[in-house]
Amino acid sequence: MSCLICERIAMIKSGQNPYFVSELPTGYVALADSQYFHGYTLFLA
């Protein structure tokens, strides 16, 4: 079983993450699955 972050990155790489925003040189930016605060984003290193 892989970690949650690894699963999210794999989804981004396969084009299956609808929350993906952008790829940066050191990681990925994605919207959070749960939007408690509107526009809450995550950086996945």
PDB file of N, CA and C in Angstrom:
ATOM      1  N   MET A   1       0.851  -1.181   0.000  1.00  0.00           N
ATOM      2  CA  MET A   1       0.000   0.000   0.000  1.00  0.00           C
ATOM      3  C   MET A   1       0.896   1.244   0.000  1.00  0.00           C
ATOM      4  N   SER A   2       0.609   2.190  -0.883  1.00  0.00           N
ATOM      5  CA  SER A   2       1.411   3.408  -0.956  1.00  0.00           C
ATOM      6  C   SER A   2       0.784   4.523  -0.111  1.00  0.00           C
ATOM      7  N   CYS A   3       1.541   5.555   0.100  1.00  0.00           N
ATOM      8  CA  CYS A   3       1.052   6.674   0.915  1.00  0.00           C
ATOM      9  C   CYS A   3       0.027   7.498   0.125  1.00  0.00           C
ATOM     10  N   LEU A   4      -0.753   8.296   0.823  1.00  0.00           N
ATOM     11  CA  LEU A   4      -1.798   9.104   0.203  1.00  0.00           C
ATOM     12  C   LEU A   4      -1.214  10.102  -0.791  1.00  0.00           C
ATOM     13  N   ILE A   5      -0.096  10.725  -0.437  1.00  0.00           N
ATOM     14  CA  ILE A   5       0.524  11.695  -1.336  1.00  0.00           C
ATOM     15  C   ILE A   5       1.015  11.007  -2.607  1.00  0.00           C
ATOM     16  N   CYS A   6       1.614   9.825  -2.459  1.00  0.00           N
ATOM     17  CA  CYS A   6       2.079   9.063  -3.627  1.00  0.00           C
ATOM     18  C   CYS A   6       0.907   8.702  -4.538  1.00  0.00           C
ATOM     19  N   GLU A   7      -0.225   8.346  -3.958  1.00  0.00           N
ATOM     20  CA  GLU A   7      -1.422   8.032  -4.743  1.00  0.00           C
ATOM     21  C   GLU A   7      -1.908   9.260  -5.509  1.00  0.00           C
ATOM     22  N   ARG A   8      -1.893  10.412  -4.858  1.00  0.00           N
ATOM     23  CA  ARG A   8      -2.337  11.657  -5.515  1.00  0.00           C
ATOM     24  C   ARG A   8      -1.416  12.014  -6.675  1.00  0.00           C
ATOM     25  N   ILE A   9      -0.112  11.879  -6.464  1.00  0.00           N
ATOM     26  CA  ILE A   9       0.841  12.191  -7.533  1.00  0.00           C
ATOM     27  C   ILE A   9       0.664  11.224  -8.691  1.00  0.00           C
ATOM     28  N   ALA A  10       0.446   9.954  -8.405  1.00  0.00           N
ATOM     29  CA  ALA A  10       0.212   8.973  -9.471  1.00  0.00           C
ATOM     30  C   ALA A  10      -1.047   9.329 -10.255  1.00  0.00           C
ATOM     31  N   MET A  11      -2.087   9.793  -9.570  1.00  0.00           N
ATOM     32  CA  MET A  11      -3.318  10.214 -10.252  1.00  0.00           C
ATOM     33  C   MET A  11      -3.056  11.415 -11.155  1.00  0.00           C
ATOM     34  N   ILE A  12      -2.234  12.356 -10.682  1.00  0.00           N
ATOM     35  CA  ILE A  12      -1.895  13.528 -11.492  1.00  0.00           C
ATOM     36  C   ILE A  12      -1.152  13.092 -12.747  1.00  0.00           C
ATOM     37  N   LYS A  13      -0.146  12.233 -12.580  1.00  0.00           N
ATOM     38  CA  LYS A  13       0.662  11.786 -13.715  1.00  0.00           C
ATOM     39  C   LYS A  13      -0.161  11.018 -14.753  1.00  0.00           C
ATOM     40  N   SER A  14      -1.207  10.315 -14.297  1.00  0.00           N
ATOM     41  CA  SER A  14      -2.043   9.553 -15.226  1.00  0.00           C
ATOM     42  C   SER A  14      -3.225  10.365 -15.754  1.00  0.00           C
ATOM     43  N   GLY A  15      -3.329  11.641 -15.322  1.00  0.00           N
ATOM     44  CA  GLY A  15      -4.410  12.503 -15.804  1.00  0.00           C
ATOM     45  C   GLY A  15      -5.748  12.232 -15.160  1.00  0.00           C
ATOM     46  N   GLN A  16      -5.778  11.597 -13.993  1.00  0.00           N
ATOM     47  CA  GLN A  16      -7.029  11.228 -13.349  1.00  0.00           C
ATOM     48  C   GLN A  16      -7.362  12.059 -12.113  1.00  0.00           C
ATOM     49  N   ASN A  17      -6.585  13.083 -11.813  1.00  0.00           N
ATOM     50  CA  ASN A  17      -6.865  13.909 -10.642  1.00  0.00           C
ATOM     51  C   ASN A  17      -7.565  15.190 -11.089  1.00  0.00           C
ATOM     52  N   PRO A  18      -8.871  15.309 -10.835  1.00  0.00           N
ATOM     53  CA  PRO A  18      -9.609  16.497 -11.286  1.00  0.00           C
ATOM     54  C   PRO A  18      -9.232  17.762 -10.517  1.00  0.00           C
ATOM     55  N   TYR A  19      -8.487  17.640  -9.427  1.00  0.00           N
ATOM     56  CA  TYR A  19      -8.111  18.781  -8.598  1.00  0.00           C
ATOM     57  C   TYR A  19      -6.724  19.328  -8.938  1.00  0.00           C
ATOM     58  N   PHE A  20      -6.059  18.721  -9.901  1.00  0.00           N
ATOM     59  CA  PHE A  20      -4.711  19.140 -10.305  1.00  0.00           C
ATOM     60  C   PHE A  20      -4.745  20.560 -10.857  1.00  0.00           C
ATOM     61  N   VAL A  21      -3.775  21.391 -10.430  1.00  0.00           N
ATOM     62  CA  VAL A  21      -3.684  22.776 -10.895  1.00  0.00           C
ATOM     63  C   VAL A  21      -2.455  22.977 -11.774  1.00  0.00           C
ATOM     64  N   SER A  22      -1.261  22.626 -11.246  1.00  0.00           N
ATOM     65  CA  SER A  22      -0.042  22.918 -11.981  1.00  0.00           C
ATOM     66  C   SER A  22       1.116  22.039 -11.506  1.00  0.00           C
ATOM     67  N   GLU A  23       2.048  21.794 -12.425  1.00  0.00           N
ATOM     68  CA  GLU A  23       3.283  21.104 -12.063  1.00  0.00           C
ATOM     69  C   GLU A  23       4.387  22.151 -11.958  1.00  0.00           C
ATOM     70  N   LEU A  24       5.137  22.096 -10.861  1.00  0.00           N
ATOM     71  CA  LEU A  24       6.259  22.994 -10.641  1.00  0.00           C
ATOM     72  C   LEU A  24       7.551  22.172 -10.644  1.00  0.00           C
ATOM     73  N   PRO A  25       8.721  22.808 -10.718  1.00  0.00           N
ATOM     74  CA  PRO A  25       9.978  22.049 -10.750  1.00  0.00           C
ATOM     75  C   PRO A  25      10.171  21.110  -9.562  1.00  0.00           C
ATOM     76  N   THR A  26       9.592  21.437  -8.407  1.00  0.00           N
ATOM     77  CA  THR A  26       9.813  20.624  -7.205  1.00  0.00           C
ATOM     78  C   THR A  26       8.580  19.883  -6.716  1.00  0.00           C
ATOM     79  N   GLY A  27       7.458  19.952  -7.431  1.00  0.00           N
ATOM     80  CA  GLY A  27       6.254  19.250  -6.984  1.00  0.00           C
ATOM     81  C   GLY A  27       5.020  19.640  -7.774  1.00  0.00           C
ATOM     82  N   TYR A  28       3.866  19.389  -7.179  1.00  0.00           N
ATOM     83  CA  TYR A  28       2.581  19.607  -7.842  1.00  0.00           C
ATOM     84  C   TYR A  28       1.661  20.432  -6.954  1.00  0.00           C
ATOM     85  N   VAL A  29       0.862  21.281  -7.576  1.00  0.00           N
ATOM     86  CA  VAL A  29      -0.140  22.068  -6.867  1.00  0.00           C
ATOM     87  C   VAL A  29      -1.507  21.484  -7.220  1.00  0.00           C
ATOM     88  N   ALA A  30      -2.324  21.258  -6.194  1.00  0.00           N
ATOM     89  CA  ALA A  30      -3.668  20.717  -6.414  1.00  0.00           C
ATOM     90  C   ALA A  30      -4.629  21.337  -5.412  1.00  0.00           C
ATOM     91  N   LEU A  31      -5.875  21.477  -5.817  1.00  0.00           N
ATOM     92  CA  LEU A  31      -6.910  21.906  -4.880  1.00  0.00           C
ATOM     93  C   LEU A  31      -7.141  20.790  -3.881  1.00  0.00           C
ATOM     94  N   ALA A  32      -7.467  21.156  -2.664  1.00  0.00           N
ATOM     95  CA  ALA A  32      -7.780  20.164  -1.642  1.00  0.00           C
ATOM     96  C   ALA A  32      -9.106  19.483  -1.980  1.00  0.00           C
ATOM     97  N   ASP A  33      -9.226  18.197  -1.668  1.00  0.00           N
ATOM     98  CA  ASP A  33     -10.472  17.463  -1.926  1.00  0.00           C
ATOM     99  C   ASP A  33     -11.630  18.072  -1.151  1.00  0.00           C
ATOM    100  N   SER A  34     -11.360  18.464   0.064  1.00  0.00           N
ATOM    101  CA  SER A  34     -12.367  19.076   0.933  1.00  0.00           C
ATOM    102  C   SER A  34     -12.102  20.576   0.965  1.00  0.00           C
ATOM    103  N   GLN A  35     -13.069  21.366   0.572  1.00  0.00           N
ATOM    104  CA  GLN A  35     -12.896  22.811   0.484  1.00  0.00           C
ATOM    105  C   GLN A  35     -13.527  23.526   1.672  1.00  0.00           C
ATOM    106  N   TYR A  36     -12.998  23.296   2.882  1.00  0.00           N
ATOM    107  CA  TYR A  36     -13.485  24.009   4.059  1.00  0.00           C
ATOM    108  C   TYR A  36     -13.294  25.508   3.859  1.00  0.00           C
ATOM    109  N   PHE A  37     -12.101  25.879   3.327  1.00  0.00           N
ATOM    110  CA  PHE A  37     -11.835  27.248   2.918  1.00  0.00           C
ATOM    111  C   PHE A  37     -11.812  27.265   1.400  1.00  0.00           C
ATOM    112  N   HIS A  38     -12.649  28.072   0.762  1.00  0.00           N
ATOM    113  CA  HIS A  38     -12.762  28.133  -0.693  1.00  0.00           C
ATOM    114  C   HIS A  38     -11.390  28.401  -1.317  1.00  0.00           C
ATOM    115  N   GLY A  39     -10.976  27.534  -2.237  1.00  0.00           N
ATOM    116  CA  GLY A  39      -9.706  27.672  -2.944  1.00  0.00           C
ATOM    117  C   GLY A  39      -8.511  27.110  -2.216  1.00  0.00           C
ATOM    118  N   TYR A  40      -8.727  26.363  -1.146  1.00  0.00           N
ATOM    119  CA  TYR A  40      -7.625  25.779  -0.369  1.00  0.00           C
ATOM    120  C   TYR A  40      -6.796  24.878  -1.269  1.00  0.00           C
ATOM    121  N   THR A  41      -5.486  25.106  -1.318  1.00  0.00           N
ATOM    122  CA  THR A  41      -4.610  24.326  -2.195  1.00  0.00           C
ATOM    123  C   THR A  41      -3.554  23.578  -1.387  1.00  0.00           C
ATOM    124  N   LEU A  42      -2.989  22.569  -2.020  1.00  0.00           N
ATOM    125  CA  LEU A  42      -1.938  21.755  -1.427  1.00  0.00           C
ATOM    126  C   LEU A  42      -0.739  21.733  -2.359  1.00  0.00           C
ATOM    127  N   PHE A  43       0.457  21.664  -1.785  1.00  0.00           N
ATOM    128  CA  PHE A  43       1.669  21.469  -2.569  1.00  0.00           C
ATOM    129  C   PHE A  43       2.172  20.068  -2.252  1.00  0.00           C
ATOM    130  N   LEU A  44       2.241  19.222  -3.264  1.00  0.00           N
ATOM    131  CA  LEU A  44       2.701  17.844  -3.099  1.00  0.00           C
ATOM    132  C   LEU A  44       4.130  17.741  -3.598  1.00  0.00           C
ATOM    133  N   ALA A  45       5.052  17.597  -2.674  1.00  0.00           N
ATOM    134  CA  ALA A  45       6.475  17.555  -3.036  1.00  0.00           C
ATOM    135  C   ALA A  45       6.886  16.163  -3.440  1.00  0.00           C
TER     136      ALA A  45
END
